N, C-alpha and C. Protein backbone atom coordinates (compact mmCIF):
# COMPACT_ATOMS: atom_id res chain seq x y z
N UNK A 1 -2.85 -11.96 18.33
CA UNK A 1 -2.60 -10.79 17.51
C UNK A 1 -3.58 -10.82 16.34
N UNK A 2 -4.32 -9.75 16.18
CA UNK A 2 -5.25 -9.61 15.07
C UNK A 2 -4.79 -8.51 14.14
N UNK A 3 -4.93 -8.72 12.85
CA UNK A 3 -4.60 -7.69 11.88
C UNK A 3 -5.79 -6.75 11.77
N UNK A 4 -5.54 -5.45 11.96
CA UNK A 4 -6.61 -4.47 11.93
C UNK A 4 -6.62 -3.64 10.65
N UNK A 5 -5.49 -3.61 9.95
CA UNK A 5 -5.42 -2.86 8.70
C UNK A 5 -4.35 -3.46 7.80
N UNK A 6 -4.66 -3.53 6.52
CA UNK A 6 -3.70 -3.97 5.51
C UNK A 6 -3.70 -2.93 4.40
N UNK A 7 -2.50 -2.53 3.97
CA UNK A 7 -2.38 -1.60 2.87
C UNK A 7 -1.14 -1.98 2.06
N UNK A 8 -1.07 -1.49 0.87
CA UNK A 8 0.09 -1.87 0.06
C UNK A 8 0.41 -0.84 -1.00
N UNK A 9 1.61 -0.96 -1.49
CA UNK A 9 2.09 -0.14 -2.58
C UNK A 9 2.45 -1.03 -3.74
N UNK A 10 3.35 -0.58 -4.56
CA UNK A 10 3.79 -1.37 -5.70
C UNK A 10 4.73 -2.47 -5.22
N UNK A 11 4.25 -3.69 -5.19
CA UNK A 11 5.02 -4.88 -4.84
C UNK A 11 5.45 -4.96 -3.37
N UNK A 12 4.69 -4.35 -2.46
CA UNK A 12 4.94 -4.51 -1.03
C UNK A 12 3.65 -4.32 -0.25
N UNK A 13 3.60 -4.91 0.94
CA UNK A 13 2.42 -4.88 1.80
C UNK A 13 2.83 -4.51 3.21
N UNK A 14 2.01 -3.69 3.86
CA UNK A 14 2.20 -3.28 5.25
C UNK A 14 0.93 -3.65 6.00
N UNK A 15 1.07 -4.19 7.21
CA UNK A 15 -0.13 -4.41 8.01
C UNK A 15 0.09 -3.99 9.45
N UNK A 16 -1.02 -3.59 10.07
CA UNK A 16 -1.06 -3.09 11.44
C UNK A 16 -1.83 -4.10 12.28
N UNK A 17 -1.36 -4.37 13.48
CA UNK A 17 -2.03 -5.33 14.36
C UNK A 17 -2.77 -4.61 15.48
N UNK A 18 -3.62 -5.35 16.15
CA UNK A 18 -4.44 -4.78 17.22
C UNK A 18 -3.62 -4.24 18.39
N UNK A 19 -2.39 -4.73 18.56
CA UNK A 19 -1.55 -4.21 19.64
C UNK A 19 -0.67 -3.04 19.19
N UNK A 20 -0.87 -2.55 17.96
CA UNK A 20 -0.12 -1.40 17.45
C UNK A 20 1.18 -1.75 16.77
N UNK A 21 1.49 -3.04 16.64
CA UNK A 21 2.70 -3.44 15.93
C UNK A 21 2.48 -3.30 14.43
N UNK A 22 3.56 -3.03 13.71
CA UNK A 22 3.50 -2.86 12.26
C UNK A 22 4.47 -3.85 11.61
N UNK A 23 4.03 -4.49 10.53
CA UNK A 23 4.84 -5.46 9.80
C UNK A 23 4.79 -5.13 8.33
N UNK A 24 5.85 -5.49 7.62
CA UNK A 24 5.89 -5.29 6.19
C UNK A 24 6.62 -6.41 5.49
N UNK A 25 6.28 -6.62 4.23
CA UNK A 25 7.00 -7.59 3.41
C UNK A 25 6.83 -7.22 1.94
N UNK A 26 7.73 -7.75 1.14
CA UNK A 26 7.72 -7.47 -0.29
C UNK A 26 8.96 -6.69 -0.69
N UNK A 27 8.85 -5.96 -1.79
CA UNK A 27 9.95 -5.18 -2.32
C UNK A 27 10.35 -4.10 -1.31
N UNK A 28 11.63 -3.85 -1.17
CA UNK A 28 12.12 -2.86 -0.20
C UNK A 28 13.30 -2.08 -0.76
N UNK A 29 13.41 -1.99 -2.08
CA UNK A 29 14.60 -1.37 -2.68
C UNK A 29 14.70 0.13 -2.42
N UNK A 30 13.62 0.77 -2.04
CA UNK A 30 13.65 2.19 -1.68
C UNK A 30 13.44 2.41 -0.19
N UNK A 31 13.51 1.34 0.59
CA UNK A 31 13.30 1.45 2.03
C UNK A 31 11.84 1.62 2.42
N UNK A 32 10.93 1.33 1.50
CA UNK A 32 9.51 1.58 1.73
C UNK A 32 8.89 0.71 2.83
N UNK A 33 9.59 -0.33 3.27
CA UNK A 33 9.06 -1.14 4.37
C UNK A 33 9.33 -0.52 5.74
N UNK A 34 10.19 0.48 5.80
CA UNK A 34 10.48 1.13 7.07
C UNK A 34 11.38 0.32 7.98
N UNK A 35 12.16 -0.58 7.41
CA UNK A 35 13.04 -1.43 8.21
C UNK A 35 14.39 -0.79 8.50
N UNK A 36 14.65 0.37 7.94
CA UNK A 36 15.94 1.03 8.15
C UNK A 36 17.01 0.56 7.21
N UNK A 37 16.62 -0.18 6.17
CA UNK A 37 17.59 -0.66 5.18
C UNK A 37 16.88 -0.79 3.83
N UNK A 38 17.62 -1.18 2.84
CA UNK A 38 17.02 -1.39 1.51
C UNK A 38 17.24 -2.84 1.05
N UNK A 39 17.26 -3.76 2.02
CA UNK A 39 17.37 -5.17 1.70
C UNK A 39 16.11 -5.59 0.95
N UNK A 40 16.29 -6.21 -0.17
CA UNK A 40 15.14 -6.54 -1.00
C UNK A 40 15.29 -7.93 -1.57
N UNK A 41 14.26 -8.67 -1.75
CA UNK A 41 12.93 -8.49 -1.16
C UNK A 41 12.83 -9.18 0.19
N UNK A 42 11.77 -8.88 0.92
CA UNK A 42 11.47 -9.55 2.18
C UNK A 42 10.26 -10.46 1.91
N UNK A 43 10.47 -11.76 1.91
CA UNK A 43 9.40 -12.69 1.54
C UNK A 43 8.49 -13.06 2.71
N UNK A 44 8.91 -12.78 3.93
CA UNK A 44 8.07 -13.02 5.10
C UNK A 44 7.89 -11.71 5.85
N UNK A 45 6.77 -11.54 6.55
CA UNK A 45 6.54 -10.30 7.28
C UNK A 45 7.65 -10.02 8.29
N UNK A 46 8.12 -8.78 8.29
CA UNK A 46 9.16 -8.31 9.21
C UNK A 46 8.57 -7.22 10.10
N UNK A 47 8.75 -7.34 11.40
CA UNK A 47 8.24 -6.30 12.29
C UNK A 47 9.07 -5.03 12.11
N UNK A 48 8.40 -3.92 12.02
CA UNK A 48 9.06 -2.62 11.91
C UNK A 48 9.26 -2.12 13.33
N UNK A 49 10.41 -2.40 13.89
CA UNK A 49 10.67 -2.16 15.31
C UNK A 49 11.00 -0.70 15.62
N UNK A 50 11.18 0.10 14.62
CA UNK A 50 11.47 1.53 14.83
C UNK A 50 10.39 2.19 15.69
N UNK A 51 9.18 1.64 15.66
CA UNK A 51 8.06 2.26 16.35
C UNK A 51 7.78 1.67 17.73
N UNK A 52 8.64 0.80 18.24
CA UNK A 52 8.42 0.24 19.57
C UNK A 52 8.29 1.37 20.57
N UNK A 53 7.23 1.33 21.37
CA UNK A 53 6.97 2.38 22.34
C UNK A 53 6.07 3.48 21.80
N UNK A 54 5.75 3.44 20.51
CA UNK A 54 4.86 4.42 19.88
C UNK A 54 3.63 3.69 19.39
N UNK A 55 2.46 4.25 19.62
CA UNK A 55 1.23 3.62 19.15
C UNK A 55 0.92 4.10 17.74
N UNK A 56 1.05 3.19 16.79
CA UNK A 56 0.70 3.49 15.40
C UNK A 56 -0.80 3.23 15.24
N UNK A 57 -1.52 4.19 14.67
CA UNK A 57 -2.97 4.08 14.54
C UNK A 57 -3.43 3.82 13.11
N UNK A 58 -2.59 4.12 12.13
CA UNK A 58 -3.01 3.98 10.73
C UNK A 58 -1.76 3.98 9.86
N UNK A 59 -1.81 3.26 8.75
CA UNK A 59 -0.73 3.27 7.77
C UNK A 59 -1.32 3.50 6.39
N UNK A 60 -0.55 4.13 5.53
CA UNK A 60 -0.96 4.38 4.15
C UNK A 60 0.26 4.21 3.25
N UNK A 61 0.04 3.67 2.07
CA UNK A 61 1.13 3.42 1.14
C UNK A 61 0.86 4.08 -0.20
N UNK A 62 1.94 4.47 -0.85
CA UNK A 62 1.90 4.89 -2.23
C UNK A 62 2.69 3.89 -3.04
N UNK A 63 3.05 4.26 -4.23
CA UNK A 63 3.76 3.32 -5.10
C UNK A 63 5.05 2.83 -4.48
N UNK A 64 5.85 3.74 -3.91
CA UNK A 64 7.15 3.36 -3.35
C UNK A 64 7.43 4.01 -2.00
N UNK A 65 6.38 4.27 -1.23
CA UNK A 65 6.58 4.87 0.09
C UNK A 65 5.47 4.42 1.04
N UNK A 66 5.72 4.61 2.34
CA UNK A 66 4.75 4.29 3.38
C UNK A 66 4.69 5.45 4.36
N UNK A 67 3.49 5.77 4.82
CA UNK A 67 3.29 6.80 5.83
C UNK A 67 2.70 6.12 7.07
N UNK A 68 3.25 6.42 8.23
CA UNK A 68 2.79 5.85 9.48
C UNK A 68 2.20 6.98 10.32
N UNK A 69 0.98 6.78 10.82
CA UNK A 69 0.33 7.76 11.67
C UNK A 69 0.39 7.25 13.10
N UNK A 70 0.75 8.13 14.02
CA UNK A 70 0.86 7.71 15.41
C UNK A 70 -0.19 8.41 16.26
N UNK A 71 -0.44 7.81 17.42
CA UNK A 71 -1.39 8.40 18.36
C UNK A 71 -0.81 9.70 18.87
N UNK A 72 -1.61 10.72 18.84
CA UNK A 72 -1.16 12.03 19.30
C UNK A 72 -1.09 12.06 20.80
N UNK A 73 -0.03 12.64 21.34
CA UNK A 73 0.16 12.71 22.79
C UNK A 73 -0.74 13.73 23.42
């Protein structure tokens, strides 16, 4: 697994791997990691499994949010 993109917001980091998997860690009090909860903080990378079966091509972060771009069908 190779990391192809790293981006971050205020106190959190998201990264994308070559196989299209997405991981996040850091502050998650607003759900900005995309884990489906607001458990905070996440000190180790957590796979964002919501996207299983979807090819994520790019991620972008703001101060307290994350945007995930998927491959268009």
